[in-house]
Amino acid sequence: MKKTLDQLHQVEQLATASKLRRLLARPFRYVFSIGFKKIIYPFTKKGIIRKTRTFFNSEMYVVLPAGTDIYLTGGKSHDSEIRLARFLINYLKAGDTFVDVGAHFGYFSLLAAFLTRSNGLVFSFEASKSTFLLLNKNTQNEANITCLNNAVSDKKETLKFYEFPVLYSEYNSVDISQFEGEKWIVKYKPQEIQVEAIRLDDFIIEKNLQPNIIKIDVEGAELKVILGMKKLLEASDELFIVMEYLHPDRKNTAHRQAAEIMKNVGYHAYLIENAGGLIPIDDIDGYLQKNELESENVVFRRI
């Protein structure tokens, strides 16, 4: 664990370093990726796939410019994502089961597969058809990862799903109302597709699973995900739920309602501190407003 944490610390150091230091660390990659993002992508609006290696030594393909941070540093470089990685390193053990709802290119799924080892299980859900192709490519050699091209919701049904161009592909969602008023959405409009949705309660029962950690990053569909796993929430005493929680100004009604449902069945909210441990939090909205944060990964668990 210490070696993995040390390697993650190197990602953090590079991510927070000056532009000159990042250039000197990986000169070709830096010039290529920044040049592509600033000069080529604005004209073509088409991403380019590049192979890289994560800080935990997994080979991974990313689409630039969306995956620029992983391409340059070997990891997701936002402060909240670095703390989430530390949390997973601290709490996921060999043989555990990890469910990744909104897996994107598979960075956290690959990290979970590395941490849970060959006797662990990782289930990665990604609704976007184009993103799923790369997720599947990234995980095809990982025997303990199962990828599913489904949305996760409160019922089994066919849903409208919105896919953004690659620069904003992490915002792909069934609900894009939070982005209304953003300047970039005028230029980078989403494409509407159809996707099949499943309920986690049904999936968990069908596969006879006992998840240890469920990560939820679904850009506004959090409430439906939680409603579709109420039986699991009520039956589990050692389950961690990690949910991206948005600032009130970003239309976070679904996040507040999802948090309230978990609270009503005995779950408490925690922030992830710098070392990857947990700090109790009562007022998530107030914390985000006070610290002027657009979002935060919040952990929920029973006591």
C-alpha atoms as a PDB file:
ATOM      1  CA  MET A   1       0.000   0.000   0.000  1.00  0.00           C
ATOM      2  CA  LYS A   2       2.789   2.450   0.868  1.00  0.00           C
ATOM      3  CA  LYS A   3       4.386   2.038  -2.556  1.00  0.00           C
ATOM      4  CA  THR A   4       1.067   2.720  -4.291  1.00  0.00           C
ATOM      5  CA  LEU A   5       0.429   5.782  -2.122  1.00  0.00           C
ATOM      6  CA  ASP A   6       3.931   7.060  -2.883  1.00  0.00           C
ATOM      7  CA  GLN A   7       3.293   6.642  -6.606  1.00  0.00           C
ATOM      8  CA  LEU A   8       0.001   8.541  -6.280  1.00  0.00           C
ATOM      9  CA  HIS A   9       1.866  11.295  -4.444  1.00  0.00           C
ATOM     10  CA  GLN A  10       4.095  11.667  -7.505  1.00  0.00           C
ATOM     11  CA  VAL A  11       0.958  12.180  -9.615  1.00  0.00           C
ATOM     12  CA  GLU A  12      -0.152  14.901  -7.214  1.00  0.00           C
ATOM     13  CA  GLN A  13       3.251  16.600  -7.259  1.00  0.00           C
ATOM     14  CA  LEU A  14       3.335  16.664 -11.050  1.00  0.00           C
ATOM     15  CA  ALA A  15      -0.277  17.843 -11.295  1.00  0.00           C
ATOM     16  CA  THR A  16       0.365  20.798  -8.981  1.00  0.00           C
ATOM     17  CA  ALA A  17       3.778  21.670 -10.435  1.00  0.00           C
ATOM     18  CA  SER A  18       4.536  24.618 -12.695  1.00  0.00           C
ATOM     19  CA  LYS A  19       3.987  24.371 -16.441  1.00  0.00           C
ATOM     20  CA  LEU A  20       7.761  24.350 -16.896  1.00  0.00           C
ATOM     21  CA  ARG A  21       8.203  21.372 -14.580  1.00  0.00           C
ATOM     22  CA  ARG A  22       5.411  19.450 -16.315  1.00  0.00           C
ATOM     23  CA  LEU A  23       7.046  20.237 -19.655  1.00  0.00           C
ATOM     24  CA  LEU A  24      10.443  19.020 -18.452  1.00  0.00           C
ATOM     25  CA  ALA A  25       8.957  15.849 -16.942  1.00  0.00           C
ATOM     26  CA  ARG A  26       7.354  14.685 -20.201  1.00  0.00           C
ATOM     27  CA  PRO A  27       8.311  17.141 -22.948  1.00  0.00           C
ATOM     28  CA  PHE A  28       6.865  15.356 -25.988  1.00  0.00           C
ATOM     29  CA  ARG A  29       3.601  14.420 -24.295  1.00  0.00           C
ATOM     30  CA  TYR A  30       3.159  17.897 -22.840  1.00  0.00           C
ATOM     31  CA  VAL A  31       3.726  19.732 -26.128  1.00  0.00           C
ATOM     32  CA  PHE A  32       1.597  17.255 -28.086  1.00  0.00           C
ATOM     33  CA  SER A  33      -1.382  17.131 -25.701  1.00  0.00           C
ATOM     34  CA  ILE A  34      -1.539  20.858 -24.987  1.00  0.00           C
ATOM     35  CA  GLY A  35      -1.033  21.706 -28.655  1.00  0.00           C
ATOM     36  CA  PHE A  36      -3.781  19.285 -29.650  1.00  0.00           C
ATOM     37  CA  LYS A  37      -6.199  20.725 -27.083  1.00  0.00           C
ATOM     38  CA  LYS A  38      -5.507  24.386 -27.882  1.00  0.00           C
ATOM     39  CA  ILE A  39      -4.957  24.299 -31.647  1.00  0.00           C
ATOM     40  CA  ILE A  40      -6.340  21.179 -33.339  1.00  0.00           C
ATOM     41  CA  TYR A  41      -9.359  20.103 -31.271  1.00  0.00           C
ATOM     42  CA  PRO A  42     -11.229  23.452 -31.430  1.00  0.00           C
ATOM     43  CA  PHE A  43     -11.367  23.065 -35.224  1.00  0.00           C
ATOM     44  CA  THR A  44     -11.990  19.323 -35.584  1.00  0.00           C
ATOM     45  CA  LYS A  45     -13.974  18.657 -32.378  1.00  0.00           C
ATOM     46  CA  LYS A  46     -12.685  15.098 -32.716  1.00  0.00           C
ATOM     47  CA  GLY A  47     -10.589  13.405 -30.071  1.00  0.00           C
ATOM     48  CA  ILE A  48      -7.509  11.299 -30.588  1.00  0.00           C
ATOM     49  CA  ILE A  49      -6.743   8.042 -28.751  1.00  0.00           C
ATOM     50  CA  ARG A  50      -3.385   7.694 -27.022  1.00  0.00           C
ATOM     51  CA  LYS A  51      -1.914   4.909 -24.891  1.00  0.00           C
ATOM     52  CA  THR A  52      -0.452   5.678 -21.491  1.00  0.00           C
ATOM     53  CA  ARG A  53       0.345   3.937 -18.210  1.00  0.00           C
ATOM     54  CA  THR A  54      -1.251   4.683 -14.858  1.00  0.00           C
ATOM     55  CA  PHE A  55       0.638   5.293 -11.626  1.00  0.00           C
ATOM     56  CA  PHE A  56      -0.298   1.741 -10.555  1.00  0.00           C
ATOM     57  CA  ASN A  57       1.258   0.412 -13.791  1.00  0.00           C
ATOM     58  CA  SER A  58      -1.870  -0.505 -15.759  1.00  0.00           C
ATOM     59  CA  GLU A  59      -1.844   0.153 -19.488  1.00  0.00           C
ATOM     60  CA  MET A  60      -4.666   2.522 -20.395  1.00  0.00           C
ATOM     61  CA  TYR A  61      -6.003   4.203 -23.512  1.00  0.00           C
ATOM     62  CA  VAL A  62      -7.429   7.707 -23.181  1.00  0.00           C
ATOM     63  CA  VAL A  63      -9.048  10.098 -25.618  1.00  0.00           C
ATOM     64  CA  LEU A  64      -7.426  13.506 -25.768  1.00  0.00           C
ATOM     65  CA  PRO A  65      -8.230  16.150 -24.732  1.00  0.00           C
ATOM     66  CA  ALA A  66     -10.568  14.586 -22.115  1.00  0.00           C
ATOM     67  CA  GLY A  67      -7.854  12.296 -20.728  1.00  0.00           C
ATOM     68  CA  THR A  68      -5.015  14.824 -20.765  1.00  0.00           C
ATOM     69  CA  ASP A  69      -4.359  14.580 -17.015  1.00  0.00           C
ATOM     70  CA  ILE A  70      -3.992  10.783 -17.099  1.00  0.00           C
ATOM     71  CA  TYR A  71      -1.847  11.024 -20.244  1.00  0.00           C
ATOM     72  CA  LEU A  72       0.541  13.497 -18.598  1.00  0.00           C
ATOM     73  CA  THR A  73       0.605  12.391 -14.951  1.00  0.00           C
ATOM     74  CA  GLY A  74      -0.538   8.762 -14.873  1.00  0.00           C
ATOM     75  CA  GLY A  75      -3.657   9.574 -12.864  1.00  0.00           C
ATOM     76  CA  LYS A  76      -6.749  11.729 -12.461  1.00  0.00           C
ATOM     77  CA  SER A  77      -5.238  14.936 -11.190  1.00  0.00           C
ATOM     78  CA  HIS A  78      -8.050  16.970  -9.626  1.00  0.00           C
ATOM     79  CA  ASP A  79      -7.668  17.267  -5.851  1.00  0.00           C
ATOM     80  CA  SER A  80     -10.948  15.449  -5.157  1.00  0.00           C
ATOM     81  CA  GLU A  81      -9.962  12.611  -7.504  1.00  0.00           C
ATOM     82  CA  ILE A  82      -6.553  12.207  -5.884  1.00  0.00           C
ATOM     83  CA  ARG A  83      -8.223  11.992  -2.473  1.00  0.00           C
ATOM     84  CA  LEU A  84     -10.730   9.471  -3.855  1.00  0.00           C
ATOM     85  CA  ALA A  85      -7.851   7.339  -5.143  1.00  0.00           C
ATOM     86  CA  ARG A  86      -6.240   7.471  -1.676  1.00  0.00           C
ATOM     87  CA  PHE A  87      -9.533   6.436  -0.097  1.00  0.00           C
ATOM     88  CA  LEU A  88      -9.769   3.418  -2.406  1.00  0.00           C
ATOM     89  CA  ILE A  89      -6.156   2.461  -1.703  1.00  0.00           C
ATOM     90  CA  ASN A  90      -6.867   2.639   2.039  1.00  0.00           C
ATOM     91  CA  TYR A  91     -10.197   0.811   2.063  1.00  0.00           C
ATOM     92  CA  LEU A  92     -10.335  -1.647  -0.873  1.00  0.00           C
ATOM     93  CA  LYS A  93      -8.769  -5.008  -0.067  1.00  0.00           C
ATOM     94  CA  ALA A  94      -7.911  -8.163  -1.980  1.00  0.00           C
ATOM     95  CA  GLY A  95     -11.084 -10.147  -2.613  1.00  0.00           C
ATOM     96  CA  ASP A  96     -13.423  -7.146  -2.298  1.00  0.00           C
ATOM     97  CA  THR A  97     -16.198  -6.231  -4.740  1.00  0.00           C
ATOM     98  CA  PHE A  98     -16.275  -2.761  -6.323  1.00  0.00           C
ATOM     99  CA  VAL A  99     -19.128  -1.351  -8.421  1.00  0.00           C
ATOM    100  CA  ASP A 100     -18.320   1.631 -10.658  1.00  0.00           C
ATOM    101  CA  VAL A 101     -21.476   3.448 -11.802  1.00  0.00           C
ATOM    102  CA  GLY A 102     -20.369   5.922 -14.455  1.00  0.00           C
ATOM    103  CA  ALA A 103     -16.973   4.379 -15.178  1.00  0.00           C
ATOM    104  CA  HIS A 104     -16.004   6.611 -18.147  1.00  0.00           C
ATOM    105  CA  PHE A 105     -12.669   5.373 -19.584  1.00  0.00           C
ATOM    106  CA  GLY A 106     -12.170   3.034 -16.604  1.00  0.00           C
ATOM    107  CA  TYR A 107      -9.496   4.744 -14.495  1.00  0.00           C
ATOM    108  CA  PHE A 108     -11.088   3.966 -11.119  1.00  0.00           C
ATOM    109  CA  SER A 109     -12.205   0.520 -12.312  1.00  0.00           C
ATOM    110  CA  LEU A 110      -8.609  -0.329 -13.213  1.00  0.00           C
ATOM    111  CA  LEU A 111      -7.389   0.972  -9.854  1.00  0.00           C
ATOM    112  CA  ALA A 112     -10.020  -1.143  -8.085  1.00  0.00           C
ATOM    113  CA  ALA A 113      -8.997  -4.227 -10.086  1.00  0.00           C
ATOM    114  CA  PHE A 114      -5.378  -3.628  -9.058  1.00  0.00           C
ATOM    115  CA  LEU A 115      -6.338  -3.265  -5.384  1.00  0.00           C
ATOM    116  CA  THR A 116      -8.784  -6.191  -5.152  1.00  0.00           C
ATOM    117  CA  ARG A 117      -6.390  -8.525  -6.998  1.00  0.00           C
ATOM    118  CA  SER A 118      -7.338 -11.629  -8.947  1.00  0.00           C
ATOM    119  CA  ASN A 119      -9.850 -12.817  -6.342  1.00  0.00           C
ATOM    120  CA  GLY A 120     -11.743  -9.504  -6.318  1.00  0.00           C
ATOM    121  CA  LEU A 121     -14.632  -8.409  -8.512  1.00  0.00           C
ATOM    122  CA  VAL A 122     -15.164  -5.119 -10.360  1.00  0.00           C
ATOM    123  CA  PHE A 123     -18.360  -4.234 -12.226  1.00  0.00           C
ATOM    124  CA  SER A 124     -18.150  -1.154 -14.455  1.00  0.00           C
ATOM    125  CA  PHE A 125     -21.278   0.535 -15.816  1.00  0.00           C
ATOM    126  CA  GLU A 126     -20.986   3.065 -18.637  1.00  0.00           C
ATOM    127  CA  ALA A 127     -24.070   4.267 -20.546  1.00  0.00           C
ATOM    128  CA  SER A 128     -22.298   6.138 -23.358  1.00  0.00           C
ATOM    129  CA  LYS A 129     -21.821   3.846 -26.344  1.00  0.00           C
ATOM    130  CA  SER A 130     -18.676   5.603 -27.602  1.00  0.00           C
ATOM    131  CA  THR A 131     -17.078   5.834 -24.153  1.00  0.00           C
ATOM    132  CA  PHE A 132     -17.953   2.194 -23.449  1.00  0.00           C
ATOM    133  CA  LEU A 133     -15.878   1.059 -26.432  1.00  0.00           C
ATOM    134  CA  LEU A 134     -12.756   2.525 -24.828  1.00  0.00           C
ATOM    135  CA  LEU A 135     -13.720   1.290 -21.358  1.00  0.00           C
ATOM    136  CA  ASN A 136     -14.029  -2.203 -22.786  1.00  0.00           C
ATOM    137  CA  LYS A 137     -10.663  -1.888 -24.547  1.00  0.00           C
ATOM    138  CA  ASN A 138      -8.988  -0.738 -21.326  1.00  0.00           C
ATOM    139  CA  THR A 139     -10.372  -3.596 -19.255  1.00  0.00           C
ATOM    140  CA  GLN A 140     -10.371  -6.505 -21.712  1.00  0.00           C
ATOM    141  CA  ASN A 141      -7.216  -8.021 -20.207  1.00  0.00           C
ATOM    142  CA  GLU A 142      -8.448  -7.665 -16.614  1.00  0.00           C
ATOM    143  CA  ALA A 143     -10.137 -10.954 -15.728  1.00  0.00           C
ATOM    144  CA  ASN A 144     -11.801  -9.522 -12.618  1.00  0.00           C
ATOM    145  CA  ILE A 145     -13.544  -6.608 -14.421  1.00  0.00           C
ATOM    146  CA  THR A 146     -16.975  -6.974 -16.016  1.00  0.00           C
ATOM    147  CA  CYS A 147     -18.104  -4.044 -18.189  1.00  0.00           C
ATOM    148  CA  LEU A 148     -21.754  -3.280 -18.909  1.00  0.00           C
ATOM    149  CA  ASN A 149     -23.058  -0.782 -21.466  1.00  0.00           C
ATOM    150  CA  ASN A 150     -26.045   0.235 -19.342  1.00  0.00           C
ATOM    151  CA  ALA A 151     -27.376   3.186 -17.443  1.00  0.00           C
ATOM    152  CA  VAL A 152     -28.239   2.554 -13.793  1.00  0.00           C
ATOM    153  CA  SER A 153     -31.624   3.833 -12.664  1.00  0.00           C
ATOM    154  CA  ASP A 154     -34.707   3.131 -10.510  1.00  0.00           C
ATOM    155  CA  LYS A 155     -36.354   0.856 -13.061  1.00  0.00           C
ATOM    156  CA  LYS A 156     -35.530  -1.356 -16.002  1.00  0.00           C
ATOM    157  CA  GLU A 157     -36.344   0.736 -19.067  1.00  0.00           C
ATOM    158  CA  THR A 158     -35.020   2.456 -22.175  1.00  0.00           C
ATOM    159  CA  LEU A 159     -33.769   5.982 -21.451  1.00  0.00           C
ATOM    160  CA  LYS A 160     -32.740   9.022 -23.427  1.00  0.00           C
ATOM    161  CA  PHE A 161     -29.038   9.628 -22.859  1.00  0.00           C
ATOM    162  CA  TYR A 162     -26.969  12.631 -23.926  1.00  0.00           C
ATOM    163  CA  GLU A 163     -23.397  12.265 -25.200  1.00  0.00           C
ATOM    164  CA  PHE A 164     -21.173  15.343 -25.396  1.00  0.00           C
ATOM    165  CA  PRO A 165     -18.130  15.747 -27.659  1.00  0.00           C
ATOM    166  CA  VAL A 166     -15.031  14.180 -26.112  1.00  0.00           C
ATOM    167  CA  LEU A 167     -13.754  17.303 -24.316  1.00  0.00           C
ATOM    168  CA  TYR A 168     -16.881  17.239 -22.137  1.00  0.00           C
ATOM    169  CA  SER A 169     -17.562  13.494 -22.256  1.00  0.00           C
ATOM    170  CA  GLU A 170     -17.349  13.200 -18.472  1.00  0.00           C
ATOM    171  CA  TYR A 171     -20.605  15.192 -18.393  1.00  0.00           C
ATOM    172  CA  ASN A 172     -22.530  12.579 -20.433  1.00  0.00           C
ATOM    173  CA  SER A 173     -25.843  12.043 -18.647  1.00  0.00           C
ATOM    174  CA  VAL A 174     -29.560  11.345 -18.756  1.00  0.00           C
ATOM    175  CA  ASP A 175     -30.084  14.849 -17.310  1.00  0.00           C
ATOM    176  CA  ILE A 176     -28.198  17.840 -18.709  1.00  0.00           C
ATOM    177  CA  SER A 177     -30.254  20.574 -17.007  1.00  0.00           C
ATOM    178  CA  GLN A 178     -27.349  21.441 -14.686  1.00  0.00           C
ATOM    179  CA  PHE A 179     -25.366  22.671 -17.693  1.00  0.00           C
ATOM    180  CA  GLU A 180     -28.003  25.123 -18.930  1.00  0.00           C
ATOM    181  CA  GLY A 181     -26.452  28.568 -19.043  1.00  0.00           C
ATOM    182  CA  GLU A 182     -22.899  27.260 -19.456  1.00  0.00           C
ATOM    183  CA  LYS A 183     -21.129  28.968 -22.354  1.00  0.00           C
ATOM    184  CA  TRP A 184     -19.486  25.779 -23.617  1.00  0.00           C
ATOM    185  CA  ILE A 185     -22.754  23.880 -24.136  1.00  0.00           C
ATOM    186  CA  VAL A 186     -23.745  26.255 -26.946  1.00  0.00           C
ATOM    187  CA  LYS A 187     -20.625  25.258 -28.862  1.00  0.00           C
ATOM    188  CA  TYR A 188     -20.466  21.599 -27.843  1.00  0.00           C
ATOM    189  CA  LYS A 189     -24.027  20.323 -28.093  1.00  0.00           C
ATOM    190  CA  PRO A 190     -24.818  16.743 -27.000  1.00  0.00           C
ATOM    191  CA  GLN A 191     -26.111  13.922 -29.154  1.00  0.00           C
ATOM    192  CA  GLU A 192     -29.223  12.113 -27.943  1.00  0.00           C
ATOM    193  CA  ILE A 193     -29.102   8.293 -27.932  1.00  0.00           C
ATOM    194  CA  GLN A 194     -31.141   5.459 -26.417  1.00  0.00           C
ATOM    195  CA  VAL A 195     -29.693   3.292 -23.650  1.00  0.00           C
ATOM    196  CA  GLU A 196     -31.014   0.398 -21.589  1.00  0.00           C
ATOM    197  CA  ALA A 197     -31.186   0.991 -17.836  1.00  0.00           C
ATOM    198  CA  ILE A 198     -31.015  -1.550 -15.005  1.00  0.00           C
ATOM    199  CA  ARG A 199     -31.605  -1.427 -11.234  1.00  0.00           C
ATOM    200  CA  LEU A 200     -28.683  -2.226  -8.946  1.00  0.00           C
ATOM    201  CA  ASP A 201     -30.964  -4.189  -6.609  1.00  0.00           C
ATOM    202  CA  ASP A 202     -31.871  -6.518  -9.477  1.00  0.00           C
ATOM    203  CA  PHE A 203     -28.266  -6.808 -10.636  1.00  0.00           C
ATOM    204  CA  ILE A 204     -26.875  -7.502  -7.151  1.00  0.00           C
ATOM    205  CA  ILE A 205     -29.466 -10.228  -6.502  1.00  0.00           C
ATOM    206  CA  GLU A 206     -28.976 -11.805  -9.931  1.00  0.00           C
ATOM    207  CA  LYS A 207     -25.189 -11.977  -9.493  1.00  0.00           C
ATOM    208  CA  ASN A 208     -25.377 -12.825  -5.765  1.00  0.00           C
ATOM    209  CA  LEU A 209     -22.951 -10.028  -4.887  1.00  0.00           C
ATOM    210  CA  GLN A 210     -21.943  -8.323  -1.659  1.00  0.00           C
ATOM    211  CA  PRO A 211     -20.388  -5.020  -2.769  1.00  0.00           C
ATOM    212  CA  ASN A 212     -17.873  -3.328  -0.492  1.00  0.00           C
ATOM    213  CA  ILE A 213     -17.689   0.023  -2.290  1.00  0.00           C
ATOM    214  CA  ILE A 214     -20.034   1.533  -4.880  1.00  0.00           C
ATOM    215  CA  LYS A 215     -18.858   4.654  -6.710  1.00  0.00           C
ATOM    216  CA  ILE A 216     -21.591   6.801  -8.297  1.00  0.00           C
ATOM    217  CA  ASP A 217     -20.709   9.543 -10.793  1.00  0.00           C
ATOM    218  CA  VAL A 218     -23.726  10.008 -13.062  1.00  0.00           C
ATOM    219  CA  GLU A 219     -24.135  13.781 -13.515  1.00  0.00           C
ATOM    220  CA  GLY A 220     -27.618  14.341 -12.110  1.00  0.00           C
ATOM    221  CA  ALA A 221     -29.044  10.798 -12.100  1.00  0.00           C
ATOM    222  CA  GLU A 222     -27.902  10.053  -8.534  1.00  0.00           C
ATOM    223  CA  LEU A 223     -31.405   9.942  -7.058  1.00  0.00           C
ATOM    224  CA  LYS A 224     -32.587   7.291  -9.517  1.00  0.00           C
ATOM    225  CA  VAL A 225     -29.486   5.188  -8.871  1.00  0.00           C
ATOM    226  CA  ILE A 226     -30.115   5.305  -5.108  1.00  0.00           C
ATOM    227  CA  LEU A 227     -33.846   4.571  -5.507  1.00  0.00           C
ATOM    228  CA  GLY A 228     -32.908   1.505  -7.530  1.00  0.00           C
ATOM    229  CA  MET A 229     -30.706   0.110  -4.755  1.00  0.00           C
ATOM    230  CA  LYS A 230     -32.801   0.707  -1.627  1.00  0.00           C
ATOM    231  CA  LYS A 231     -32.901  -2.992  -0.706  1.00  0.00           C
ATOM    232  CA  LEU A 232     -29.117  -3.146  -0.858  1.00  0.00           C
ATOM    233  CA  LEU A 233     -28.790  -0.009   1.275  1.00  0.00           C
ATOM    234  CA  GLU A 234     -31.106  -1.416   3.933  1.00  0.00           C
ATOM    235  CA  ALA A 235     -29.468  -4.852   3.983  1.00  0.00           C
ATOM    236  CA  SER A 236     -25.802  -3.774   4.074  1.00  0.00           C
ATOM    237  CA  ASP A 237     -23.981  -2.737   7.231  1.00  0.00           C
ATOM    238  CA  GLU A 238     -20.445  -2.397   5.842  1.00  0.00           C
ATOM    239  CA  LEU A 239     -21.135  -0.823   2.446  1.00  0.00           C
ATOM    240  CA  PHE A 240     -19.417   2.400   1.364  1.00  0.00           C
ATOM    241  CA  ILE A 241     -21.206   4.612  -1.181  1.00  0.00           C
ATOM    242  CA  VAL A 242     -19.018   7.232  -2.873  1.00  0.00           C
ATOM    243  CA  MET A 243     -21.154   9.815  -4.665  1.00  0.00           C
ATOM    244  CA  GLU A 244     -20.144  12.954  -6.510  1.00  0.00           C
ATOM    245  CA  TYR A 245     -22.167  15.764  -4.900  1.00  0.00           C
ATOM    246  CA  LEU A 246     -22.690  19.083  -6.708  1.00  0.00           C
ATOM    247  CA  HIS A 247     -22.781  22.677  -5.454  1.00  0.00           C
ATOM    248  CA  PRO A 248     -26.346  24.006  -4.918  1.00  0.00           C
ATOM    249  CA  ASP A 249     -25.897  26.465  -7.799  1.00  0.00           C
ATOM    250  CA  ARG A 250     -25.503  23.488 -10.170  1.00  0.00           C
ATOM    251  CA  LYS A 251     -29.048  22.201  -9.580  1.00  0.00           C
ATOM    252  CA  ASN A 252     -28.177  19.536  -7.029  1.00  0.00           C
ATOM    253  CA  THR A 253     -31.715  18.528  -6.045  1.00  0.00           C
ATOM    254  CA  ALA A 254     -31.057  14.907  -7.059  1.00  0.00           C
ATOM    255  CA  HIS A 255     -27.913  14.811  -4.913  1.00  0.00           C
ATOM    256  CA  ARG A 256     -29.674  16.244  -1.843  1.00  0.00           C
ATOM    257  CA  GLN A 257     -32.577  13.821  -2.197  1.00  0.00           C
ATOM    258  CA  ALA A 258     -30.232  10.859  -2.678  1.00  0.00           C
ATOM    259  CA  ALA A 259     -28.283  11.864   0.440  1.00  0.00           C
ATOM    260  CA  GLU A 260     -31.532  12.193   2.413  1.00  0.00           C
ATOM    261  CA  ILE A 261     -32.660   8.688   1.422  1.00  0.00           C
ATOM    262  CA  MET A 262     -29.352   7.257   2.619  1.00  0.00           C
ATOM    263  CA  LYS A 263     -29.572   9.254   5.844  1.00  0.00           C
ATOM    264  CA  ASN A 264     -33.060   7.872   6.504  1.00  0.00           C
ATOM    265  CA  VAL A 265     -31.754   4.285   6.430  1.00  0.00           C
ATOM    266  CA  GLY A 266     -28.848   4.991   8.757  1.00  0.00           C
ATOM    267  CA  TYR A 267     -26.054   6.225   6.506  1.00  0.00           C
ATOM    268  CA  HIS A 268     -23.797   9.108   7.554  1.00  0.00           C
ATOM    269  CA  ALA A 269     -21.888  11.441   5.236  1.00  0.00           C
ATOM    270  CA  TYR A 270     -18.099  11.843   5.242  1.00  0.00           C
ATOM    271  CA  LEU A 271     -15.553  13.927   3.388  1.00  0.00           C
ATOM    272  CA  ILE A 272     -12.322  12.314   2.226  1.00  0.00           C
ATOM    273  CA  GLU A 273      -9.367  14.018   3.894  1.00  0.00           C
ATOM    274  CA  ASN A 274      -5.968  14.455   2.256  1.00  0.00           C
ATOM    275  CA  ALA A 275      -4.549  11.145   3.494  1.00  0.00           C
ATOM    276  CA  GLY A 276      -7.610   9.214   2.307  1.00  0.00           C
ATOM    277  CA  GLY A 277      -9.345   8.888   5.674  1.00  0.00           C
ATOM    278  CA  LEU A 278     -12.899   9.996   6.455  1.00  0.00           C
ATOM    279  CA  ILE A 279     -14.180  13.119   8.240  1.00  0.00           C
ATOM    280  CA  PRO A 280     -17.875  13.377   9.276  1.00  0.00           C
ATOM    281  CA  ILE A 281     -19.839  16.150   7.539  1.00  0.00           C
ATOM    282  CA  ASP A 282     -23.359  17.315   8.452  1.00  0.00           C
ATOM    283  CA  ASP A 283     -23.955  20.153   5.984  1.00  0.00           C
ATOM    284  CA  ILE A 284     -22.590  19.184   2.562  1.00  0.00           C
ATOM    285  CA  ASP A 285     -24.176  22.152   0.774  1.00  0.00           C
ATOM    286  CA  GLY A 286     -22.752  24.564   3.337  1.00  0.00           C
ATOM    287  CA  TYR A 287     -19.294  23.029   2.991  1.00  0.00           C
ATOM    288  CA  LEU A 288     -19.339  23.414  -0.801  1.00  0.00           C
ATOM    289  CA  GLN A 289     -20.580  27.000  -0.555  1.00  0.00           C
ATOM    290  CA  LYS A 290     -18.068  28.001   2.123  1.00  0.00           C
ATOM    291  CA  ASN A 291     -15.137  26.522   0.192  1.00  0.00           C
ATOM    292  CA  GLU A 292     -16.430  27.633  -3.229  1.00  0.00           C
ATOM    293  CA  LEU A 293     -16.286  24.098  -4.621  1.00  0.00           C
ATOM    294  CA  GLU A 294     -18.304  23.046  -7.665  1.00  0.00           C
ATOM    295  CA  SER A 295     -18.421  19.436  -6.489  1.00  0.00           C
ATOM    296  CA  GLU A 296     -16.982  16.947  -4.021  1.00  0.00           C
ATOM    297  CA  ASN A 297     -16.816  13.179  -3.656  1.00  0.00           C
ATOM    298  CA  VAL A 298     -18.806  12.350  -0.523  1.00  0.00           C
ATOM    299  CA  VAL A 299     -18.685   8.949   1.189  1.00  0.00           C
ATOM    300  CA  PHE A 300     -21.776   7.479   2.866  1.00  0.00           C
ATOM    301  CA  ARG A 301     -21.696   4.559   5.287  1.00  0.00           C
ATOM    302  CA  ARG A 302     -23.621   3.165   8.222  1.00  0.00           C
ATOM    303  CA  ILE A 303     -22.308   3.276  11.765  1.00  0.00           C
END
